Amino acid sequence: MAHQKVVVARDDEDEKDSVQATSAPSRAQRSWLRRGLDQPGGKLPLFDRNGKRIDARTIRRCLEAGWAEPWFSNPIKPDWLVCKLTPDGRRLAGKR
């Protein structure tokens, strides 16, 4: 399995660290990100088109790369990551 190279850059404006991935998303990651393009607010699905839960590794890697971000906590299922696209994720998902 390939590892992503991640660069941490300092944002002087708000003094927060931001993470930017220097590699492209995998096919699974890009497929998941694309599903958010047509959803209100860029909401990303918890399940694939066959009803299988999205692999948590796919979600975590997209979060770490800054392509997705947590949207809200699900009080009924706290272990489910409800996410939405970031502007970077939207740009990547829109590329063909």
PDB file of N, CA and C in Angstrom:
ATOM      1  N   MET A   1       0.847  -1.180   0.000  1.00  0.00           N
ATOM      2  CA  MET A   1       0.000   0.000   0.000  1.00  0.00           C
ATOM      3  C   MET A   1       0.888   1.236   0.000  1.00  0.00           C
ATOM      4  N   ALA A   2       0.574   2.185  -0.852  1.00  0.00           N
ATOM      5  CA  ALA A   2       1.357   3.415  -0.958  1.00  0.00           C
ATOM      6  C   ALA A   2       1.047   4.345   0.208  1.00  0.00           C
ATOM      7  N   HIS A   3       2.048   5.039   0.671  1.00  0.00           N
ATOM      8  CA  HIS A   3       1.862   6.012   1.744  1.00  0.00           C
ATOM      9  C   HIS A   3       1.790   7.407   1.145  1.00  0.00           C
ATOM     10  N   GLN A   4       0.965   8.242   1.731  1.00  0.00           N
ATOM     11  CA  GLN A   4       0.866   9.617   1.277  1.00  0.00           C
ATOM     12  C   GLN A   4       1.929  10.455   1.961  1.00  0.00           C
ATOM     13  N   LYS A   5       2.520  11.330   1.191  1.00  0.00           N
ATOM     14  CA  LYS A   5       3.441  12.298   1.757  1.00  0.00           C
ATOM     15  C   LYS A   5       2.609  13.503   2.168  1.00  0.00           C
ATOM     16  N   VAL A   6       2.709  13.904   3.416  1.00  0.00           N
ATOM     17  CA  VAL A   6       1.920  15.020   3.933  1.00  0.00           C
ATOM     18  C   VAL A   6       2.859  16.117   4.385  1.00  0.00           C
ATOM     19  N   VAL A   7       2.545  17.334   4.005  1.00  0.00           N
ATOM     20  CA  VAL A   7       3.335  18.500   4.371  1.00  0.00           C
ATOM     21  C   VAL A   7       2.488  19.362   5.294  1.00  0.00           C
ATOM     22  N   VAL A   8       3.032  19.764   6.437  1.00  0.00           N
ATOM     23  CA  VAL A   8       2.313  20.650   7.348  1.00  0.00           C
ATOM     24  C   VAL A   8       2.827  22.057   7.128  1.00  0.00           C
ATOM     25  N   ALA A   9       1.899  22.956   6.805  1.00  0.00           N
ATOM     26  CA  ALA A   9       2.268  24.348   6.532  1.00  0.00           C
ATOM     27  C   ALA A   9       1.647  25.246   7.594  1.00  0.00           C
ATOM     28  N   ARG A  10       2.340  26.294   7.943  1.00  0.00           N
ATOM     29  CA  ARG A  10       1.854  27.245   8.946  1.00  0.00           C
ATOM     30  C   ARG A  10       1.040  28.325   8.260  1.00  0.00           C
ATOM     31  N   ASP A  11      -0.166  28.572   8.765  1.00  0.00           N
ATOM     32  CA  ASP A  11      -1.029  29.618   8.235  1.00  0.00           C
ATOM     33  C   ASP A  11      -0.899  30.826   9.165  1.00  0.00           C
ATOM     34  N   ASP A  12      -0.203  31.850   8.728  1.00  0.00           N
ATOM     35  CA  ASP A  12       0.067  33.011   9.576  1.00  0.00           C
ATOM     36  C   ASP A  12      -1.181  33.780   9.956  1.00  0.00           C
ATOM     37  N   GLU A  13      -2.218  33.730   9.115  1.00  0.00           N
ATOM     38  CA  GLU A  13      -3.398  34.537   9.367  1.00  0.00           C
ATOM     39  C   GLU A  13      -4.142  34.125  10.628  1.00  0.00           C
ATOM     40  N   ASP A  14      -4.342  32.813  10.838  1.00  0.00           N
ATOM     41  CA  ASP A  14      -5.102  32.414  12.023  1.00  0.00           C
ATOM     42  C   ASP A  14      -4.297  31.514  12.967  1.00  0.00           C
ATOM     43  N   GLU A  15      -2.988  31.386  12.700  1.00  0.00           N
ATOM     44  CA  GLU A  15      -2.081  30.649  13.562  1.00  0.00           C
ATOM     45  C   GLU A  15      -2.469  29.177  13.765  1.00  0.00           C
ATOM     46  N   LYS A  16      -3.192  28.604  12.804  1.00  0.00           N
ATOM     47  CA  LYS A  16      -3.542  27.194  12.878  1.00  0.00           C
ATOM     48  C   LYS A  16      -2.691  26.431  11.878  1.00  0.00           C
ATOM     49  N   ASP A  17      -2.385  25.180  12.198  1.00  0.00           N
ATOM     50  CA  ASP A  17      -1.681  24.330  11.253  1.00  0.00           C
ATOM     51  C   ASP A  17      -2.691  23.778  10.256  1.00  0.00           C
ATOM     52  N   SER A  18      -2.304  23.735   9.002  1.00  0.00           N
ATOM     53  CA  SER A  18      -3.152  23.109   8.001  1.00  0.00           C
ATOM     54  C   SER A  18      -2.350  22.010   7.329  1.00  0.00           C
ATOM     55  N   VAL A  19      -3.025  20.953   6.948  1.00  0.00           N
ATOM     56  CA  VAL A  19      -2.373  19.821   6.329  1.00  0.00           C
ATOM     57  C   VAL A  19      -2.769  19.793   4.864  1.00  0.00           C
ATOM     58  N   GLN A  20      -1.776  19.701   4.014  1.00  0.00           N
ATOM     59  CA  GLN A  20      -2.027  19.632   2.593  1.00  0.00           C
ATOM     60  C   GLN A  20      -1.350  18.385   2.053  1.00  0.00           C
ATOM     61  N   ALA A  21      -2.110  17.561   1.359  1.00  0.00           N
ATOM     62  CA  ALA A  21      -1.535  16.349   0.782  1.00  0.00           C
ATOM     63  C   ALA A  21      -0.840  16.699  -0.526  1.00  0.00           C
ATOM     64  N   THR A  22       0.279  16.080  -0.755  1.00  0.00           N
ATOM     65  CA  THR A  22       1.009  16.339  -1.980  1.00  0.00           C
ATOM     66  C   THR A  22       0.765  15.238  -3.008  1.00  0.00           C
ATOM     67  N   SER A  23      -0.053  14.247  -2.672  1.00  0.00           N
ATOM     68  CA  SER A  23      -0.333  13.180  -3.625  1.00  0.00           C
ATOM     69  C   SER A  23      -1.812  13.200  -4.002  1.00  0.00           C
ATOM     70  N   ALA A  24      -2.110  12.513  -5.086  1.00  0.00           N
ATOM     71  CA  ALA A  24      -3.483  12.439  -5.577  1.00  0.00           C
ATOM     72  C   ALA A  24      -4.247  11.377  -4.786  1.00  0.00           C
ATOM     73  N   PRO A  25      -5.574  11.512  -4.718  1.00  0.00           N
ATOM     74  CA  PRO A  25      -6.371  10.499  -4.012  1.00  0.00           C
ATOM     75  C   PRO A  25      -6.380   9.175  -4.785  1.00  0.00           C
ATOM     76  N   SER A  26      -6.580   8.097  -4.058  1.00  0.00           N
ATOM     77  CA  SER A  26      -6.716   6.786  -4.680  1.00  0.00           C
ATOM     78  C   SER A  26      -8.050   6.732  -5.432  1.00  0.00           C
ATOM     79  N   ARG A  27      -8.256   5.675  -6.180  1.00  0.00           N
ATOM     80  CA  ARG A  27      -9.513   5.537  -6.913  1.00  0.00           C
ATOM     81  C   ARG A  27     -10.697   5.492  -5.941  1.00  0.00           C
ATOM     82  N   ALA A  28     -10.561   4.748  -4.838  1.00  0.00           N
ATOM     83  CA  ALA A  28     -11.637   4.652  -3.843  1.00  0.00           C
ATOM     84  C   ALA A  28     -11.906   6.012  -3.200  1.00  0.00           C
ATOM     85  N   GLN A  29     -10.848   6.746  -2.887  1.00  0.00           N
ATOM     86  CA  GLN A  29     -11.004   8.063  -2.264  1.00  0.00           C
ATOM     87  C   GLN A  29     -11.679   9.031  -3.228  1.00  0.00           C
ATOM     88  N   ARG A  30     -11.232   9.051  -4.483  1.00  0.00           N
ATOM     89  CA  ARG A  30     -11.818   9.957  -5.478  1.00  0.00           C
ATOM     90  C   ARG A  30     -13.296   9.610  -5.724  1.00  0.00           C
ATOM     91  N   SER A  31     -13.606   8.338  -5.771  1.00  0.00           N
ATOM     92  CA  SER A  31     -14.989   7.899  -5.971  1.00  0.00           C
ATOM     93  C   SER A  31     -15.880   8.387  -4.832  1.00  0.00           C
ATOM     94  N   TRP A  32     -15.392   8.255  -3.606  1.00  0.00           N
ATOM     95  CA  TRP A  32     -16.160   8.703  -2.441  1.00  0.00           C
ATOM     96  C   TRP A  32     -16.342  10.222  -2.475  1.00  0.00           C
ATOM     97  N   LEU A  33     -15.265  10.944  -2.790  1.00  0.00           N
ATOM     98  CA  LEU A  33     -15.343  12.408  -2.848  1.00  0.00           C
ATOM     99  C   LEU A  33     -16.322  12.867  -3.931  1.00  0.00           C
ATOM    100  N   ARG A  34     -16.333  12.206  -5.068  1.00  0.00           N
ATOM    101  CA  ARG A  34     -17.241  12.591  -6.163  1.00  0.00           C
ATOM    102  C   ARG A  34     -18.703  12.481  -5.771  1.00  0.00           C
ATOM    103  N   ARG A  35     -19.013  11.559  -4.887  1.00  0.00           N
ATOM    104  CA  ARG A  35     -20.410  11.387  -4.473  1.00  0.00           C
ATOM    105  C   ARG A  35     -20.926  12.594  -3.702  1.00  0.00           C
ATOM    106  N   GLY A  36     -20.040  13.415  -3.181  1.00  0.00           N
ATOM    107  CA  GLY A  36     -20.457  14.606  -2.457  1.00  0.00           C
ATOM    108  C   GLY A  36     -20.755  15.796  -3.353  1.00  0.00           C
ATOM    109  N   LEU A  37     -20.348  15.722  -4.622  1.00  0.00           N
ATOM    110  CA  LEU A  37     -20.524  16.866  -5.518  1.00  0.00           C
ATOM    111  C   LEU A  37     -21.979  17.245  -5.737  1.00  0.00           C
ATOM    112  N   ASP A  38     -22.872  16.271  -5.764  1.00  0.00           N
ATOM    113  CA  ASP A  38     -24.283  16.531  -6.037  1.00  0.00           C
ATOM    114  C   ASP A  38     -25.137  16.614  -4.781  1.00  0.00           C
ATOM    115  N   GLN A  39     -24.518  16.561  -3.619  1.00  0.00           N
ATOM    116  CA  GLN A  39     -25.273  16.572  -2.369  1.00  0.00           C
ATOM    117  C   GLN A  39     -25.284  17.967  -1.740  1.00  0.00           C
ATOM    118  N   PRO A  40     -26.375  18.316  -1.074  1.00  0.00           N
ATOM    119  CA  PRO A  40     -26.426  19.614  -0.394  1.00  0.00           C
ATOM    120  C   PRO A  40     -25.260  19.760   0.587  1.00  0.00           C
ATOM    121  N   GLY A  41     -24.567  20.865   0.483  1.00  0.00           N
ATOM    122  CA  GLY A  41     -23.446  21.143   1.381  1.00  0.00           C
ATOM    123  C   GLY A  41     -22.236  20.257   1.154  1.00  0.00           C
ATOM    124  N   GLY A  42     -22.258  19.433   0.099  1.00  0.00           N
ATOM    125  CA  GLY A  42     -21.137  18.534  -0.163  1.00  0.00           C
ATOM    126  C   GLY A  42     -21.082  17.335   0.760  1.00  0.00           C
ATOM    127  N   LYS A  43     -22.262  16.938   1.327  1.00  0.00           N
ATOM    128  CA  LYS A  43     -22.298  15.808   2.258  1.00  0.00           C
ATOM    129  C   LYS A  43     -21.795  14.543   1.579  1.00  0.00           C
ATOM    130  N   LEU A  44     -20.922  13.853   2.282  1.00  0.00           N
ATOM    131  CA  LEU A  44     -20.342  12.610   1.774  1.00  0.00           C
ATOM    132  C   LEU A  44     -21.097  11.414   2.354  1.00  0.00           C
ATOM    133  N   PRO A  45     -21.273  10.362   1.556  1.00  0.00           N
ATOM    134  CA  PRO A  45     -22.093   9.229   1.998  1.00  0.00           C
ATOM    135  C   PRO A  45     -21.397   8.353   3.034  1.00  0.00           C
ATOM    136  N   LEU A  46     -22.213   7.697   3.837  1.00  0.00           N
ATOM    137  CA  LEU A  46     -21.713   6.724   4.793  1.00  0.00           C
ATOM    138  C   LEU A  46     -21.660   5.334   4.180  1.00  0.00           C
ATOM    139  N   PHE A  47     -22.439   5.129   3.106  1.00  0.00           N
ATOM    140  CA  PHE A  47     -22.549   3.821   2.469  1.00  0.00           C
ATOM    141  C   PHE A  47     -22.334   3.953   0.970  1.00  0.00           C
ATOM    142  N   ASP A  48     -21.804   2.878   0.352  1.00  0.00           N
ATOM    143  CA  ASP A  48     -21.628   2.890  -1.096  1.00  0.00           C
ATOM    144  C   ASP A  48     -22.965   2.618  -1.782  1.00  0.00           C
ATOM    145  N   ARG A  49     -22.967   2.563  -3.090  1.00  0.00           N
ATOM    146  CA  ARG A  49     -24.199   2.390  -3.861  1.00  0.00           C
ATOM    147  C   ARG A  49     -24.850   1.018  -3.644  1.00  0.00           C
ATOM    148  N   ASN A  50     -24.094   0.068  -3.095  1.00  0.00           N
ATOM    149  CA  ASN A  50     -24.628  -1.268  -2.806  1.00  0.00           C
ATOM    150  C   ASN A  50     -25.036  -1.430  -1.352  1.00  0.00           C
ATOM    151  N   GLY A  51     -24.965  -0.352  -0.569  1.00  0.00           N
ATOM    152  CA  GLY A  51     -25.366  -0.399   0.831  1.00  0.00           C
ATOM    153  C   GLY A  51     -24.269  -0.820   1.795  1.00  0.00           C
ATOM    154  N   LYS A  52     -23.050  -1.001   1.296  1.00  0.00           N
ATOM    155  CA  LYS A  52     -21.925  -1.362   2.154  1.00  0.00           C
ATOM    156  C   LYS A  52     -21.320  -0.090   2.742  1.00  0.00           C
ATOM    157  N   ARG A  53     -20.986  -0.153   4.016  1.00  0.00           N
ATOM    158  CA  ARG A  53     -20.396   0.997   4.700  1.00  0.00           C
ATOM    159  C   ARG A  53     -19.062   1.371   4.061  1.00  0.00           C
ATOM    160  N   ILE A  54     -18.822   2.671   3.882  1.00  0.00           N
ATOM    161  CA  ILE A  54     -17.558   3.165   3.331  1.00  0.00           C
ATOM    162  C   ILE A  54     -16.440   2.810   4.310  1.00  0.00           C
ATOM    163  N   ASP A  55     -15.339   2.310   3.786  1.00  0.00           N
ATOM    164  CA  ASP A  55     -14.201   1.918   4.610  1.00  0.00           C
ATOM    165  C   ASP A  55     -13.710   3.126   5.413  1.00  0.00           C
ATOM    166  N   ALA A  56     -13.560   2.948   6.706  1.00  0.00           N
ATOM    167  CA  ALA A  56     -13.119   4.037   7.589  1.00  0.00           C
ATOM    168  C   ALA A  56     -11.738   4.550   7.200  1.00  0.00           C
ATOM    169  N   ARG A  57     -10.886   3.682   6.613  1.00  0.00           N
ATOM    170  CA  ARG A  57      -9.549   4.122   6.187  1.00  0.00           C
ATOM    171  C   ARG A  57      -9.656   5.141   5.058  1.00  0.00           C
ATOM    172  N   THR A  58     -10.608   4.942   4.156  1.00  0.00           N
ATOM    173  CA  THR A  58     -10.837   5.892   3.061  1.00  0.00           C
ATOM    174  C   THR A  58     -11.227   7.248   3.635  1.00  0.00           C
ATOM    175  N   ILE A  59     -12.146   7.228   4.572  1.00  0.00           N
ATOM    176  CA  ILE A  59     -12.631   8.470   5.192  1.00  0.00           C
ATOM    177  C   ILE A  59     -11.508   9.165   5.946  1.00  0.00           C
ATOM    178  N   ARG A  60     -10.782   8.410   6.771  1.00  0.00           N
ATOM    179  CA  ARG A  60      -9.700   9.019   7.568  1.00  0.00           C
ATOM    180  C   ARG A  60      -8.614   9.628   6.686  1.00  0.00           C
ATOM    181  N   ARG A  61      -8.238   8.936   5.622  1.00  0.00           N
ATOM    182  CA  ARG A  61      -7.189   9.474   4.748  1.00  0.00           C
ATOM    183  C   ARG A  61      -7.636  10.752   4.052  1.00  0.00           C
ATOM    184  N   CYS A  62      -8.914  10.816   3.674  1.00  0.00           N
ATOM    185  CA  CYS A  62      -9.433  12.044   3.057  1.00  0.00           C
ATOM    186  C   CYS A  62      -9.485  13.177   4.077  1.00  0.00           C
ATOM    187  N   LEU A  63      -9.811  12.856   5.326  1.00  0.00           N
ATOM    188  CA  LEU A  63      -9.799  13.867   6.386  1.00  0.00           C
ATOM    189  C   LEU A  63      -8.380  14.379   6.616  1.00  0.00           C
ATOM    190  N   GLU A  64      -7.415  13.454   6.709  1.00  0.00           N
ATOM    191  CA  GLU A  64      -6.019  13.827   6.947  1.00  0.00           C
ATOM    192  C   GLU A  64      -5.454  14.678   5.809  1.00  0.00           C
ATOM    193  N   ALA A  65      -5.893  14.395   4.588  1.00  0.00           N
ATOM    194  CA  ALA A  65      -5.395  15.133   3.422  1.00  0.00           C
ATOM    195  C   ALA A  65      -6.081  16.484   3.265  1.00  0.00           C
ATOM    196  N   GLY A  66      -7.154  16.716   4.003  1.00  0.00           N
ATOM    197  CA  GLY A  66      -7.868  17.987   3.900  1.00  0.00           C
ATOM    198  C   GLY A  66      -8.886  18.025   2.776  1.00  0.00           C
ATOM    199  N   TRP A  67      -9.239  16.857   2.222  1.00  0.00           N
ATOM    200  CA  TRP A  67     -10.228  16.796   1.134  1.00  0.00           C
ATOM    201  C   TRP A  67     -11.651  16.690   1.669  1.00  0.00           C
ATOM    202  N   ALA A  68     -11.779  16.275   2.928  1.00  0.00           N
ATOM    203  CA  ALA A  68     -13.074  16.164   3.602  1.00  0.00           C
ATOM    204  C   ALA A  68     -12.891  16.706   5.018  1.00  0.00           C
ATOM    205  N   GLU A  69     -14.023  17.073   5.628  1.00  0.00           N
ATOM    206  CA  GLU A  69     -13.966  17.536   7.010  1.00  0.00           C
ATOM    207  C   GLU A  69     -15.199  17.038   7.745  1.00  0.00           C
ATOM    208  N   PRO A  70     -15.082  16.819   9.053  1.00  0.00           N
ATOM    209  CA  PRO A  70     -16.253  16.395   9.816  1.00  0.00           C
ATOM    210  C   PRO A  70     -17.351  17.447   9.705  1.00  0.00           C
ATOM    211  N   TRP A  71     -18.580  16.974   9.572  1.00  0.00           N
ATOM    212  CA  TRP A  71     -19.698  17.909   9.455  1.00  0.00           C
ATOM    213  C   TRP A  71     -20.414  18.054  10.790  1.00  0.00           C
ATOM    214  N   PHE A  72     -20.806  16.939  11.363  1.00  0.00           N
ATOM    215  CA  PHE A  72     -21.447  16.964  12.680  1.00  0.00           C
ATOM    216  C   PHE A  72     -21.335  15.583  13.304  1.00  0.00           C
ATOM    217  N   SER A  73     -21.573  15.514  14.596  1.00  0.00           N
ATOM    218  CA  SER A  73     -21.557  14.237  15.307  1.00  0.00           C
ATOM    219  C   SER A  73     -22.937  13.618  15.242  1.00  0.00           C
ATOM    220  N   ASN A  74     -22.980  12.319  15.063  1.00  0.00           N
ATOM    221  CA  ASN A  74     -24.233  11.584  15.026  1.00  0.00           C
ATOM    222  C   ASN A  74     -24.458  10.994  16.414  1.00  0.00           C
ATOM    223  N   PRO A  75     -25.389  11.537  17.203  1.00  0.00           N
ATOM    224  CA  PRO A  75     -25.570  11.058  18.576  1.00  0.00           C
ATOM    225  C   PRO A  75     -26.048   9.601  18.641  1.00  0.00           C
ATOM    226  N   ILE A  76     -26.713   9.127  17.613  1.00  0.00           N
ATOM    227  CA  ILE A  76     -27.209   7.750  17.605  1.00  0.00           C
ATOM    228  C   ILE A  76     -26.080   6.773  17.264  1.00  0.00           C
ATOM    229  N   LYS A  77     -25.203   7.183  16.367  1.00  0.00           N
ATOM    230  CA  LYS A  77     -24.061   6.363  15.950  1.00  0.00           C
ATOM    231  C   LYS A  77     -22.784   7.194  16.059  1.00  0.00           C
ATOM    232  N   PRO A  78     -22.257   7.387  17.268  1.00  0.00           N
ATOM    233  CA  PRO A  78     -21.090   8.271  17.440  1.00  0.00           C
ATOM    234  C   PRO A  78     -19.842   7.807  16.705  1.00  0.00           C
ATOM    235  N   ASP A  79     -19.758   6.525  16.330  1.00  0.00           N
ATOM    236  CA  ASP A  79     -18.578   6.039  15.614  1.00  0.00           C
ATOM    237  C   ASP A  79     -18.651   6.313  14.116  1.00  0.00           C
ATOM    238  N   TRP A  80     -19.780   6.796  13.613  1.00  0.00           N
ATOM    239  CA  TRP A  80     -19.911   7.127  12.193  1.00  0.00           C
ATOM    240  C   TRP A  80     -19.376   8.524  11.952  1.00  0.00           C
ATOM    241  N   LEU A  81     -18.528   8.661  10.960  1.00  0.00           N
ATOM    242  CA  LEU A  81     -17.958   9.956  10.602  1.00  0.00           C
ATOM    243  C   LEU A  81     -18.822  10.608   9.528  1.00  0.00           C
ATOM    244  N   VAL A  82     -19.623  11.577   9.903  1.00  0.00           N
ATOM    245  CA  VAL A  82     -20.441  12.314   8.941  1.00  0.00           C
ATOM    246  C   VAL A  82     -19.592  13.479   8.446  1.00  0.00           C
ATOM    247  N   CYS A  83     -19.280  13.456   7.150  1.00  0.00           N
ATOM    248  CA  CYS A  83     -18.325  14.414   6.594  1.00  0.00           C
ATOM    249  C   CYS A  83     -18.900  15.147   5.394  1.00  0.00           C
ATOM    250  N   LYS A  84     -18.200  16.220   5.038  1.00  0.00           N
ATOM    251  CA  LYS A  84     -18.541  16.977   3.833  1.00  0.00           C
ATOM    252  C   LYS A  84     -17.253  17.331   3.116  1.00  0.00           C
ATOM    253  N   LEU A  85     -17.391  17.689   1.853  1.00  0.00           N
ATOM    254  CA  LEU A  85     -16.244  18.088   1.050  1.00  0.00           C
ATOM    255  C   LEU A  85     -15.674  19.418   1.525  1.00  0.00           C
ATOM    256  N   THR A  86     -14.370  19.551   1.445  1.00  0.00           N
ATOM    257  CA  THR A  86     -13.720  20.840   1.621  1.00  0.00           C
ATOM    258  C   THR A  86     -13.568  21.445   0.223  1.00  0.00           C
ATOM    259  N   PRO A  87     -13.207  22.711   0.118  1.00  0.00           N
ATOM    260  CA  PRO A  87     -12.952  23.280  -1.214  1.00  0.00           C
ATOM    261  C   PRO A  87     -11.902  22.484  -1.996  1.00  0.00           C
ATOM    262  N   ASP A  88     -10.832  22.020  -1.330  1.00  0.00           N
ATOM    263  CA  ASP A  88      -9.827  21.205  -2.008  1.00  0.00           C
ATOM    264  C   ASP A  88     -10.413  19.879  -2.477  1.00  0.00           C
ATOM    265  N   GLY A  89     -11.224  19.270  -1.637  1.00  0.00           N
ATOM    266  CA  GLY A  89     -11.867  18.010  -2.011  1.00  0.00           C
ATOM    267  C   GLY A  89     -12.805  18.185  -3.175  1.00  0.00           C
ATOM    268  N   ARG A  90     -13.531  19.289  -3.196  1.00  0.00           N
ATOM    269  CA  ARG A  90     -14.448  19.581  -4.298  1.00  0.00           C
ATOM    270  C   ARG A  90     -13.666  19.734  -5.611  1.00  0.00           C
ATOM    271  N   ARG A  91     -12.527  20.423  -5.553  1.00  0.00           N
ATOM    272  CA  ARG A  91     -11.698  20.592  -6.764  1.00  0.00           C
ATOM    273  C   ARG A  91     -11.178  19.243  -7.258  1.00  0.00           C
ATOM    274  N   LEU A  92     -10.671  18.419  -6.343  1.00  0.00           N
ATOM    275  CA  LEU A  92     -10.157  17.115  -6.727  1.00  0.00           C
ATOM    276  C   LEU A  92     -11.249  16.213  -7.285  1.00  0.00           C
ATOM    277  N   ALA A  93     -12.403  16.212  -6.657  1.00  0.00           N
ATOM    278  CA  ALA A  93     -13.507  15.364  -7.090  1.00  0.00           C
ATOM    279  C   ALA A  93     -14.038  15.770  -8.458  1.00  0.00           C
ATOM    280  N   GLY A  94     -13.929  17.040  -8.769  1.00  0.00           N
ATOM    281  CA  GLY A  94     -14.423  17.541 -10.053  1.00  0.00           C
ATOM    282  C   GLY A  94     -13.512  17.263 -11.213  1.00  0.00           C
ATOM    283  N   LYS A  95     -12.263  16.898 -10.942  1.00  0.00           N
ATOM    284  CA  LYS A  95     -11.311  16.606 -12.023  1.00  0.00           C
ATOM    285  C   LYS A  95     -11.592  15.242 -12.605  1.00  0.00           C
ATOM    286  N   ARG A  96     -11.460  15.115 -13.889  1.00  0.00           N
ATOM    287  CA  ARG A  96     -11.691  13.817 -14.559  1.00  0.00           C
ATOM    288  C   ARG A  96     -10.400  13.247 -15.033  1.00  0.00           C
TER     289      ARG A  96
END
